[in-house]
Amino acid sequence: MHGQAAMRRRRPDFTRLFLAQGFATLLVALLAGLRHGHEGVLSALMGGLVSLLPSLYFVWRGLRVRDGRRPRVSVMNLYQAAMGKFGLTVALFVIVFVLVPPSNPAFFFVAYVAAQLMHWLTPWLLRDRPTQRT
């Protein structure tokens, strides 16, 4: 009975989290564009991508196998996903600052932090919404 309940659990839908991160990035990019033109927009978009891409990787890698009968495998997947996310974040920071230095590092970091702060909203963004009755 317990195993069947684990099998019936739905996977959380992270779409709203990714949309929130994208929205935060675009909002910072809009403000950067008004303040510093296209260089500010590019810096903000790079900052948002450095936050968003590792998050996408974590969800893809960490939630690949969710087997209630093998919790050790699920935990190992989450640890590997967390380490991969950290490594990817470091690599993206290095790539951005070595190959394409942002013209405005302030907007880069503001967009990165704004997108990261969307993780605080994860419990609210992932909760099930009641459907309207017709």
C-alpha atoms as a PDB file:
ATOM      1  CA  MET A   1       0.000   0.000   0.000  1.00  0.00           C
ATOM      2  CA  HIS A   2       2.776   2.427   0.916  1.00  0.00           C
ATOM      3  CA  GLY A   3       4.631   1.647  -2.321  1.00  0.00           C
ATOM      4  CA  GLN A   4       1.516   2.342  -4.378  1.00  0.00           C
ATOM      5  CA  ALA A   5       1.092   5.758  -2.784  1.00  0.00           C
ATOM      6  CA  ALA A   6       4.669   6.622  -3.718  1.00  0.00           C
ATOM      7  CA  MET A   7       4.027   5.514  -7.283  1.00  0.00           C
ATOM      8  CA  ARG A   8       0.919   7.748  -7.534  1.00  0.00           C
ATOM      9  CA  ARG A   9       2.698  10.929  -6.435  1.00  0.00           C
ATOM     10  CA  ARG A  10       2.867  13.525  -9.133  1.00  0.00           C
ATOM     11  CA  ARG A  11       6.099  15.142 -10.104  1.00  0.00           C
ATOM     12  CA  PRO A  12       6.212  18.787  -9.100  1.00  0.00           C
ATOM     13  CA  ASP A  13       5.854  21.203 -11.981  1.00  0.00           C
ATOM     14  CA  PHE A  14       8.765  23.631 -11.905  1.00  0.00           C
ATOM     15  CA  THR A  15       7.492  25.662 -14.846  1.00  0.00           C
ATOM     16  CA  ARG A  16       6.252  28.485 -12.618  1.00  0.00           C
ATOM     17  CA  LEU A  17       9.631  28.698 -10.882  1.00  0.00           C
ATOM     18  CA  PHE A  18      11.461  28.982 -14.196  1.00  0.00           C
ATOM     19  CA  LEU A  19       8.948  31.543 -15.436  1.00  0.00           C
ATOM     20  CA  ALA A  20       9.452  33.570 -12.241  1.00  0.00           C
ATOM     21  CA  GLN A  21      13.222  33.465 -12.740  1.00  0.00           C
ATOM     22  CA  GLY A  22      12.794  34.561 -16.351  1.00  0.00           C
ATOM     23  CA  PHE A  23      10.411  37.337 -15.343  1.00  0.00           C
ATOM     24  CA  ALA A  24      12.824  38.621 -12.681  1.00  0.00           C
ATOM     25  CA  THR A  25      15.645  38.581 -15.223  1.00  0.00           C
ATOM     26  CA  LEU A  26      13.572  40.425 -17.830  1.00  0.00           C
ATOM     27  CA  LEU A  27      12.496  43.014 -15.264  1.00  0.00           C
ATOM     28  CA  VAL A  28      16.120  43.732 -14.348  1.00  0.00           C
ATOM     29  CA  ALA A  29      17.031  43.757 -18.064  1.00  0.00           C
ATOM     30  CA  LEU A  30      14.287  46.308 -18.729  1.00  0.00           C
ATOM     31  CA  LEU A  31      15.562  48.546 -15.947  1.00  0.00           C
ATOM     32  CA  ALA A  32      19.121  48.071 -17.200  1.00  0.00           C
ATOM     33  CA  GLY A  33      18.033  49.002 -20.709  1.00  0.00           C
ATOM     34  CA  LEU A  34      16.422  52.199 -19.506  1.00  0.00           C
ATOM     35  CA  ARG A  35      19.511  53.087 -17.532  1.00  0.00           C
ATOM     36  CA  HIS A  36      22.427  51.899 -19.697  1.00  0.00           C
ATOM     37  CA  GLY A  37      21.105  50.787 -23.069  1.00  0.00           C
ATOM     38  CA  HIS A  38      21.776  47.474 -24.751  1.00  0.00           C
ATOM     39  CA  GLU A  39      25.022  46.821 -22.827  1.00  0.00           C
ATOM     40  CA  GLY A  40      23.084  46.866 -19.564  1.00  0.00           C
ATOM     41  CA  VAL A  41      20.414  44.582 -21.041  1.00  0.00           C
ATOM     42  CA  LEU A  42      23.035  42.080 -22.204  1.00  0.00           C
ATOM     43  CA  SER A  43      24.715  42.089 -18.786  1.00  0.00           C
ATOM     44  CA  ALA A  44      21.388  41.493 -17.020  1.00  0.00           C
ATOM     45  CA  LEU A  45      20.394  38.702 -19.411  1.00  0.00           C
ATOM     46  CA  MET A  46      23.724  36.956 -18.875  1.00  0.00           C
ATOM     47  CA  GLY A  47      23.257  37.191 -15.097  1.00  0.00           C
ATOM     48  CA  GLY A  48      19.803  35.681 -15.354  1.00  0.00           C
ATOM     49  CA  LEU A  49      21.029  32.843 -17.561  1.00  0.00           C
ATOM     50  CA  VAL A  50      23.850  32.043 -15.136  1.00  0.00           C
ATOM     51  CA  SER A  51      21.125  31.514 -12.540  1.00  0.00           C
ATOM     52  CA  LEU A  52      18.532  29.803 -14.734  1.00  0.00           C
ATOM     53  CA  LEU A  53      20.666  27.213 -16.539  1.00  0.00           C
ATOM     54  CA  PRO A  54      21.982  25.506 -13.367  1.00  0.00           C
ATOM     55  CA  SER A  55      18.434  25.441 -11.982  1.00  0.00           C
ATOM     56  CA  LEU A  56      17.229  23.681 -15.121  1.00  0.00           C
ATOM     57  CA  TYR A  57      20.073  21.189 -14.798  1.00  0.00           C
ATOM     58  CA  PHE A  58      19.255  20.515 -11.141  1.00  0.00           C
ATOM     59  CA  VAL A  59      15.615  19.734 -11.869  1.00  0.00           C
ATOM     60  CA  TRP A  60      16.489  17.571 -14.870  1.00  0.00           C
ATOM     61  CA  ARG A  61      19.220  15.616 -13.078  1.00  0.00           C
ATOM     62  CA  GLY A  62      17.807  15.508  -9.571  1.00  0.00           C
ATOM     63  CA  LEU A  63      14.332  14.353 -10.434  1.00  0.00           C
ATOM     64  CA  ARG A  64      15.176  11.860 -13.153  1.00  0.00           C
ATOM     65  CA  VAL A  65      14.558   8.824 -10.982  1.00  0.00           C
ATOM     66  CA  ARG A  66      12.023   9.060  -8.175  1.00  0.00           C
ATOM     67  CA  ASP A  67      11.546   5.561  -6.968  1.00  0.00           C
ATOM     68  CA  GLY A  68       9.911   5.166  -3.562  1.00  0.00           C
ATOM     69  CA  ARG A  69      11.319   1.666  -3.298  1.00  0.00           C
ATOM     70  CA  ARG A  70      14.915   2.885  -3.646  1.00  0.00           C
ATOM     71  CA  PRO A  71      15.262   6.079  -1.591  1.00  0.00           C
ATOM     72  CA  ARG A  72      19.056   5.796  -1.590  1.00  0.00           C
ATOM     73  CA  VAL A  73      19.091   6.217  -5.391  1.00  0.00           C
ATOM     74  CA  SER A  74      16.837   9.267  -5.137  1.00  0.00           C
ATOM     75  CA  VAL A  75      19.044  10.855  -2.490  1.00  0.00           C
ATOM     76  CA  MET A  76      22.186  10.161  -4.534  1.00  0.00           C
ATOM     77  CA  ASN A  77      20.542  11.768  -7.574  1.00  0.00           C
ATOM     78  CA  LEU A  78      19.790  14.884  -5.537  1.00  0.00           C
ATOM     79  CA  TYR A  79      23.373  15.086  -4.221  1.00  0.00           C
ATOM     80  CA  GLN A  80      24.791  14.633  -7.715  1.00  0.00           C
ATOM     81  CA  ALA A  81      22.380  17.229  -9.072  1.00  0.00           C
ATOM     82  CA  ALA A  82      23.388  19.724  -6.358  1.00  0.00           C
ATOM     83  CA  MET A  83      27.088  19.194  -7.050  1.00  0.00           C
ATOM     84  CA  GLY A  84      26.479  19.483 -10.797  1.00  0.00           C
ATOM     85  CA  LYS A  85      24.508  22.684 -10.280  1.00  0.00           C
ATOM     86  CA  PHE A  86      27.315  24.168  -8.226  1.00  0.00           C
ATOM     87  CA  GLY A  87      29.930  23.152 -10.792  1.00  0.00           C
ATOM     88  CA  LEU A  88      27.854  24.479 -13.668  1.00  0.00           C
ATOM     89  CA  THR A  89      27.328  27.780 -11.850  1.00  0.00           C
ATOM     90  CA  VAL A  90      31.072  28.191 -11.299  1.00  0.00           C
ATOM     91  CA  ALA A  91      31.797  27.259 -14.923  1.00  0.00           C
ATOM     92  CA  LEU A  92      29.236  29.746 -16.228  1.00  0.00           C
ATOM     93  CA  PHE A  93      30.661  32.533 -14.065  1.00  0.00           C
ATOM     94  CA  VAL A  94      34.135  31.768 -15.408  1.00  0.00           C
ATOM     95  CA  ILE A  95      32.907  31.637 -19.009  1.00  0.00           C
ATOM     96  CA  VAL A  96      31.032  34.916 -18.681  1.00  0.00           C
ATOM     97  CA  PHE A  97      33.848  36.832 -17.021  1.00  0.00           C
ATOM     98  CA  VAL A  98      36.631  35.410 -19.216  1.00  0.00           C
ATOM     99  CA  LEU A  99      35.017  35.154 -22.654  1.00  0.00           C
ATOM    100  CA  VAL A 100      32.270  37.783 -22.541  1.00  0.00           C
ATOM    101  CA  PRO A 101      32.935  40.195 -19.680  1.00  0.00           C
ATOM    102  CA  PRO A 102      29.707  42.023 -18.847  1.00  0.00           C
ATOM    103  CA  SER A 103      29.910  45.707 -19.630  1.00  0.00           C
ATOM    104  CA  ASN A 104      28.014  46.417 -16.434  1.00  0.00           C
ATOM    105  CA  PRO A 105      28.787  43.880 -13.688  1.00  0.00           C
ATOM    106  CA  ALA A 106      26.279  45.541 -11.337  1.00  0.00           C
ATOM    107  CA  PHE A 107      23.347  44.617 -13.588  1.00  0.00           C
ATOM    108  CA  PHE A 108      24.833  41.152 -14.114  1.00  0.00           C
ATOM    109  CA  PHE A 109      24.872  40.484 -10.362  1.00  0.00           C
ATOM    110  CA  VAL A 110      21.514  42.162  -9.701  1.00  0.00           C
ATOM    111  CA  ALA A 111      19.854  39.940 -12.323  1.00  0.00           C
ATOM    112  CA  TYR A 112      21.642  36.866 -10.973  1.00  0.00           C
ATOM    113  CA  VAL A 113      20.517  37.598  -7.408  1.00  0.00           C
ATOM    114  CA  ALA A 114      16.963  38.479  -8.497  1.00  0.00           C
ATOM    115  CA  ALA A 115      16.642  35.167 -10.336  1.00  0.00           C
ATOM    116  CA  GLN A 116      18.148  33.288  -7.379  1.00  0.00           C
ATOM    117  CA  LEU A 117      15.716  34.954  -4.979  1.00  0.00           C
ATOM    118  CA  MET A 118      12.851  33.374  -6.905  1.00  0.00           C
ATOM    119  CA  HIS A 119      13.842  30.101  -5.200  1.00  0.00           C
ATOM    120  CA  TRP A 120      12.425  31.560  -1.998  1.00  0.00           C
ATOM    121  CA  LEU A 121       9.049  31.522  -3.711  1.00  0.00           C
ATOM    122  CA  THR A 122       9.351  27.847  -4.668  1.00  0.00           C
ATOM    123  CA  PRO A 123       6.914  26.498  -2.041  1.00  0.00           C
ATOM    124  CA  TRP A 124       4.297  28.982  -3.190  1.00  0.00           C
ATOM    125  CA  LEU A 125       5.010  28.508  -6.903  1.00  0.00           C
ATOM    126  CA  LEU A 126       4.926  24.705  -6.732  1.00  0.00           C
ATOM    127  CA  ARG A 127       1.807  24.234  -4.654  1.00  0.00           C
ATOM    128  CA  ASP A 128      -1.214  22.844  -6.393  1.00  0.00           C
ATOM    129  CA  ARG A 129      -3.780  25.378  -7.416  1.00  0.00           C
ATOM    130  CA  PRO A 130      -7.433  24.416  -6.953  1.00  0.00           C
ATOM    131  CA  THR A 131      -9.350  24.109 -10.183  1.00  0.00           C
ATOM    132  CA  GLN A 132     -12.469  26.154 -10.682  1.00  0.00           C
ATOM    133  CA  ARG A 133     -15.731  24.282 -10.782  1.00  0.00           C
ATOM    134  CA  THR A 134     -18.029  24.878 -13.703  1.00  0.00           C
END
